């Protein structure tokens, strides 16, 4: 995978403010790859190899947390994001307006 693309995605994720979330599709649109939300997810799954990024602030189009990532909810709550239920963020309230 192209390292420039990886860092472009991670740079966009770095811009998400504390207490806000963005969707995979939103990040894809920000980097000019509107139809590549899955690519964004793939890159975020490897982000730990490229440095420290706030990947916990990225959720799916329905506000769902990453299945199996036990700490994502607690990381978001520590930033003031309240979850609607155990696995969803209220996008109307917490989605980053970029």
N, C-alpha and C. Protein backbone atom coordinates (compact mmCIF):
# COMPACT_ATOMS: atom_id res chain seq x y z
N UNK A 1 0.85 -1.18 0.00
CA UNK A 1 0.00 0.00 0.00
C UNK A 1 0.89 1.25 0.00
N UNK A 2 0.45 2.26 -0.68
CA UNK A 2 1.18 3.51 -0.83
C UNK A 2 1.30 4.25 0.51
N UNK A 3 2.54 4.48 0.94
CA UNK A 3 2.76 5.15 2.24
C UNK A 3 2.20 6.57 2.26
N UNK A 4 2.23 7.25 1.13
CA UNK A 4 1.67 8.61 1.08
C UNK A 4 0.18 8.58 1.38
N UNK A 5 -0.51 7.60 0.83
CA UNK A 5 -1.94 7.45 1.08
C UNK A 5 -2.19 7.12 2.55
N UNK A 6 -1.38 6.25 3.11
CA UNK A 6 -1.52 5.90 4.53
C UNK A 6 -1.39 7.15 5.40
N UNK A 7 -0.36 7.93 5.16
CA UNK A 7 -0.16 9.13 5.97
C UNK A 7 -1.21 10.21 5.70
N UNK A 8 -1.76 10.22 4.50
CA UNK A 8 -2.85 11.16 4.20
C UNK A 8 -4.08 10.82 5.05
N UNK A 9 -4.40 9.54 5.13
CA UNK A 9 -5.52 9.09 5.95
C UNK A 9 -5.26 9.38 7.42
N UNK A 10 -4.08 9.02 7.89
CA UNK A 10 -3.76 9.23 9.30
C UNK A 10 -3.70 10.71 9.67
N UNK A 11 -3.27 11.55 8.73
CA UNK A 11 -3.26 13.00 8.98
C UNK A 11 -4.68 13.53 9.12
N UNK A 12 -5.61 13.01 8.31
CA UNK A 12 -7.01 13.43 8.43
C UNK A 12 -7.58 13.00 9.78
N UNK A 13 -7.25 11.80 10.21
CA UNK A 13 -7.73 11.30 11.50
C UNK A 13 -7.18 12.16 12.64
N UNK A 14 -5.95 12.60 12.50
CA UNK A 14 -5.33 13.46 13.51
C UNK A 14 -6.07 14.77 13.71
N UNK A 15 -6.80 15.21 12.71
CA UNK A 15 -7.52 16.48 12.77
C UNK A 15 -8.83 16.39 13.56
N UNK A 16 -9.33 15.19 13.81
CA UNK A 16 -10.60 15.04 14.53
C UNK A 16 -10.41 15.56 15.95
N UNK A 17 -11.19 16.54 16.36
CA UNK A 17 -11.01 17.11 17.71
C UNK A 17 -11.43 16.16 18.82
N UNK A 18 -10.85 16.35 19.99
CA UNK A 18 -11.27 15.60 21.18
C UNK A 18 -12.77 15.80 21.38
N UNK A 19 -13.44 14.74 21.78
CA UNK A 19 -14.87 14.84 22.03
C UNK A 19 -15.74 14.77 20.79
N UNK A 20 -15.14 14.48 19.64
CA UNK A 20 -15.87 14.35 18.38
C UNK A 20 -15.49 13.03 17.72
N UNK A 21 -16.34 12.57 16.80
CA UNK A 21 -16.03 11.38 16.02
C UNK A 21 -16.26 11.69 14.54
N UNK A 22 -15.65 10.88 13.70
CA UNK A 22 -15.86 10.95 12.26
C UNK A 22 -16.14 9.54 11.77
N UNK A 23 -16.74 9.43 10.61
CA UNK A 23 -16.99 8.12 10.03
C UNK A 23 -15.88 7.78 9.03
N UNK A 24 -15.78 6.49 8.71
CA UNK A 24 -14.81 6.06 7.70
C UNK A 24 -15.07 6.77 6.38
N UNK A 25 -16.35 6.89 6.00
CA UNK A 25 -16.71 7.57 4.76
C UNK A 25 -16.34 9.04 4.78
N UNK A 26 -16.49 9.66 5.93
CA UNK A 26 -16.15 11.07 6.07
C UNK A 26 -14.65 11.27 5.85
N UNK A 27 -13.83 10.41 6.43
CA UNK A 27 -12.38 10.50 6.23
C UNK A 27 -12.04 10.26 4.76
N UNK A 28 -12.70 9.28 4.14
CA UNK A 28 -12.46 9.01 2.71
C UNK A 28 -12.78 10.24 1.87
N UNK A 29 -13.89 10.91 2.16
CA UNK A 29 -14.25 12.12 1.41
C UNK A 29 -13.21 13.23 1.63
N UNK A 30 -12.72 13.36 2.86
CA UNK A 30 -11.73 14.41 3.16
C UNK A 30 -10.46 14.26 2.33
N UNK A 31 -10.09 13.03 2.03
CA UNK A 31 -8.85 12.83 1.27
C UNK A 31 -9.12 12.67 -0.24
N UNK A 32 -10.37 12.91 -0.64
CA UNK A 32 -10.69 12.85 -2.07
C UNK A 32 -10.89 11.45 -2.61
N UNK A 33 -11.20 10.50 -1.75
CA UNK A 33 -11.45 9.12 -2.17
C UNK A 33 -12.80 8.68 -1.63
N UNK A 34 -13.82 9.35 -2.08
CA UNK A 34 -15.17 9.22 -1.55
C UNK A 34 -15.67 7.78 -1.43
N UNK A 35 -15.28 6.91 -2.32
CA UNK A 35 -15.79 5.55 -2.33
C UNK A 35 -14.85 4.55 -1.64
N UNK A 36 -13.94 5.03 -0.82
CA UNK A 36 -12.94 4.15 -0.23
C UNK A 36 -12.99 4.09 1.30
N UNK A 37 -14.19 4.04 1.86
CA UNK A 37 -14.33 3.96 3.32
C UNK A 37 -13.67 2.70 3.87
N UNK A 38 -13.77 1.60 3.15
CA UNK A 38 -13.14 0.35 3.62
C UNK A 38 -11.63 0.46 3.66
N UNK A 39 -11.07 1.17 2.70
CA UNK A 39 -9.63 1.41 2.69
C UNK A 39 -9.22 2.16 3.95
N UNK A 40 -10.01 3.15 4.33
CA UNK A 40 -9.73 3.91 5.55
C UNK A 40 -9.71 2.95 6.74
N UNK A 41 -10.69 2.07 6.84
CA UNK A 41 -10.73 1.10 7.92
C UNK A 41 -9.51 0.20 7.94
N UNK A 42 -9.08 -0.23 6.77
CA UNK A 42 -7.90 -1.09 6.67
C UNK A 42 -6.65 -0.37 7.17
N UNK A 43 -6.50 0.88 6.75
CA UNK A 43 -5.33 1.66 7.19
C UNK A 43 -5.37 1.88 8.70
N UNK A 44 -6.54 2.19 9.24
CA UNK A 44 -6.63 2.42 10.69
C UNK A 44 -6.32 1.16 11.47
N UNK A 45 -6.62 0.01 10.90
CA UNK A 45 -6.28 -1.25 11.55
C UNK A 45 -4.77 -1.48 11.65
N UNK A 46 -3.99 -0.76 10.84
CA UNK A 46 -2.54 -0.87 10.85
C UNK A 46 -1.87 0.37 11.44
N UNK A 47 -2.64 1.31 11.92
CA UNK A 47 -2.11 2.62 12.32
C UNK A 47 -1.03 2.53 13.39
N UNK A 48 -1.11 1.56 14.27
CA UNK A 48 -0.13 1.44 15.35
C UNK A 48 1.30 1.28 14.83
N UNK A 49 1.46 0.83 13.59
CA UNK A 49 2.78 0.65 13.01
C UNK A 49 3.37 1.96 12.49
N UNK A 50 2.57 3.02 12.47
CA UNK A 50 3.00 4.30 11.90
C UNK A 50 3.07 5.42 12.93
N UNK A 51 2.71 5.14 14.17
CA UNK A 51 2.74 6.16 15.20
C UNK A 51 1.48 6.12 16.04
N UNK A 52 1.25 7.19 16.77
CA UNK A 52 0.09 7.28 17.65
C UNK A 52 -0.93 8.23 17.04
N UNK A 53 -2.09 7.70 16.75
CA UNK A 53 -3.16 8.47 16.13
C UNK A 53 -4.46 8.21 16.88
N UNK A 54 -5.39 9.17 16.89
CA UNK A 54 -6.66 8.99 17.62
C UNK A 54 -7.69 8.19 16.82
N UNK A 55 -7.33 6.98 16.46
CA UNK A 55 -8.20 6.13 15.65
C UNK A 55 -9.50 5.78 16.37
N UNK A 56 -9.50 5.89 17.70
CA UNK A 56 -10.71 5.60 18.46
C UNK A 56 -11.83 6.59 18.13
N UNK A 57 -11.51 7.68 17.49
CA UNK A 57 -12.51 8.69 17.13
C UNK A 57 -13.20 8.40 15.79
N UNK A 58 -12.92 7.26 15.20
CA UNK A 58 -13.53 6.91 13.92
C UNK A 58 -14.50 5.74 14.13
N UNK A 59 -15.72 5.91 13.63
CA UNK A 59 -16.79 4.91 13.77
C UNK A 59 -17.42 4.68 12.39
N UNK A 60 -18.32 3.71 12.31
CA UNK A 60 -18.95 3.47 11.01
C UNK A 60 -20.09 4.46 10.76
N UNK A 61 -20.75 4.34 9.62
CA UNK A 61 -21.78 5.30 9.21
C UNK A 61 -22.98 5.35 10.16
N UNK A 62 -23.15 4.33 10.99
CA UNK A 62 -24.26 4.29 11.95
C UNK A 62 -23.79 4.68 13.35
N UNK A 63 -22.53 5.05 13.49
CA UNK A 63 -22.00 5.42 14.80
C UNK A 63 -21.52 4.23 15.61
N UNK A 64 -21.44 3.06 14.97
CA UNK A 64 -21.05 1.85 15.69
C UNK A 64 -19.55 1.81 15.93
N UNK A 65 -19.19 1.39 17.13
CA UNK A 65 -17.78 1.21 17.48
C UNK A 65 -17.22 -0.01 16.77
N UNK A 66 -15.90 -0.12 16.76
CA UNK A 66 -15.24 -1.25 16.12
C UNK A 66 -15.49 -2.52 16.94
N UNK A 67 -16.09 -3.54 16.34
CA UNK A 67 -16.32 -4.79 17.08
C UNK A 67 -15.00 -5.39 17.56
N UNK A 68 -14.96 -5.78 18.81
CA UNK A 68 -13.76 -6.40 19.36
C UNK A 68 -12.74 -5.43 19.94
N UNK A 69 -12.91 -4.13 19.71
CA UNK A 69 -11.98 -3.16 20.29
C UNK A 69 -12.56 -2.73 21.63
N UNK A 70 -12.13 -3.39 22.66
CA UNK A 70 -12.70 -3.24 24.00
C UNK A 70 -12.52 -1.82 24.55
N UNK A 71 -11.42 -1.19 24.26
CA UNK A 71 -11.11 0.12 24.85
C UNK A 71 -11.68 1.32 24.11
N UNK A 72 -12.22 1.14 22.93
CA UNK A 72 -12.68 2.29 22.14
C UNK A 72 -13.72 3.11 22.89
N UNK A 73 -14.71 2.45 23.45
CA UNK A 73 -15.76 3.17 24.18
C UNK A 73 -15.22 3.95 25.36
N UNK A 74 -14.32 3.35 26.11
CA UNK A 74 -13.78 4.05 27.28
C UNK A 74 -12.89 5.22 26.86
N UNK A 75 -12.17 5.07 25.76
CA UNK A 75 -11.36 6.19 25.25
C UNK A 75 -12.27 7.36 24.84
N UNK A 76 -13.37 7.06 24.18
CA UNK A 76 -14.30 8.12 23.78
C UNK A 76 -14.96 8.75 25.00
N UNK A 77 -15.38 7.93 25.95
CA UNK A 77 -16.00 8.48 27.18
C UNK A 77 -15.03 9.38 27.93
N UNK A 78 -13.75 9.04 27.93
CA UNK A 78 -12.75 9.87 28.62
C UNK A 78 -12.61 11.25 27.97
N UNK A 79 -13.08 11.38 26.73
CA UNK A 79 -13.06 12.66 26.02
C UNK A 79 -14.41 13.36 26.07
N UNK A 80 -15.36 12.80 26.83
CA UNK A 80 -16.66 13.44 26.98
C UNK A 80 -17.73 12.98 26.01
N UNK A 81 -17.44 11.95 25.23
CA UNK A 81 -18.43 11.41 24.30
C UNK A 81 -19.29 10.38 25.04
N UNK A 82 -20.59 10.63 25.11
CA UNK A 82 -21.51 9.68 25.73
C UNK A 82 -22.02 8.73 24.66
N UNK A 83 -22.07 7.46 24.98
CA UNK A 83 -22.56 6.47 24.03
C UNK A 83 -24.07 6.32 24.17
N UNK A 84 -24.76 6.09 23.03
CA UNK A 84 -26.21 5.85 23.06
C UNK A 84 -26.50 4.51 23.71
N UNK A 85 -25.65 3.54 23.43
CA UNK A 85 -25.72 2.23 24.05
C UNK A 85 -24.29 1.70 24.10
N UNK A 86 -24.09 0.46 24.39
CA UNK A 86 -22.73 -0.05 24.55
C UNK A 86 -21.88 0.00 23.29
N UNK A 87 -22.52 0.09 22.13
CA UNK A 87 -21.75 -0.01 20.88
C UNK A 87 -21.96 1.13 19.88
N UNK A 88 -22.69 2.18 20.28
CA UNK A 88 -22.98 3.26 19.32
C UNK A 88 -22.80 4.65 19.91
N UNK A 89 -22.27 5.53 19.07
CA UNK A 89 -22.14 6.95 19.38
C UNK A 89 -23.31 7.67 18.70
N UNK A 90 -23.83 8.69 19.33
CA UNK A 90 -24.88 9.51 18.73
C UNK A 90 -24.22 10.48 17.74
N UNK A 91 -24.28 10.14 16.46
CA UNK A 91 -23.62 10.98 15.44
C UNK A 91 -24.22 12.36 15.35
N UNK A 92 -25.52 12.50 15.60
CA UNK A 92 -26.13 13.83 15.54
C UNK A 92 -25.52 14.78 16.57
N UNK A 93 -25.08 14.21 17.65
CA UNK A 93 -24.51 15.03 18.74
C UNK A 93 -22.99 15.16 18.68
N UNK A 94 -22.29 14.11 18.25
CA UNK A 94 -20.85 14.08 18.37
C UNK A 94 -20.05 14.04 17.06
N UNK A 95 -20.74 14.01 15.90
CA UNK A 95 -20.00 13.93 14.66
C UNK A 95 -19.27 15.24 14.38
N UNK A 96 -18.04 15.12 13.99
CA UNK A 96 -17.18 16.24 13.65
C UNK A 96 -17.72 16.92 12.39
N UNK A 97 -17.92 18.21 12.47
CA UNK A 97 -18.35 19.01 11.32
C UNK A 97 -17.10 19.59 10.67
N UNK A 98 -16.66 18.96 9.61
CA UNK A 98 -15.43 19.44 8.98
C UNK A 98 -15.70 20.02 7.62
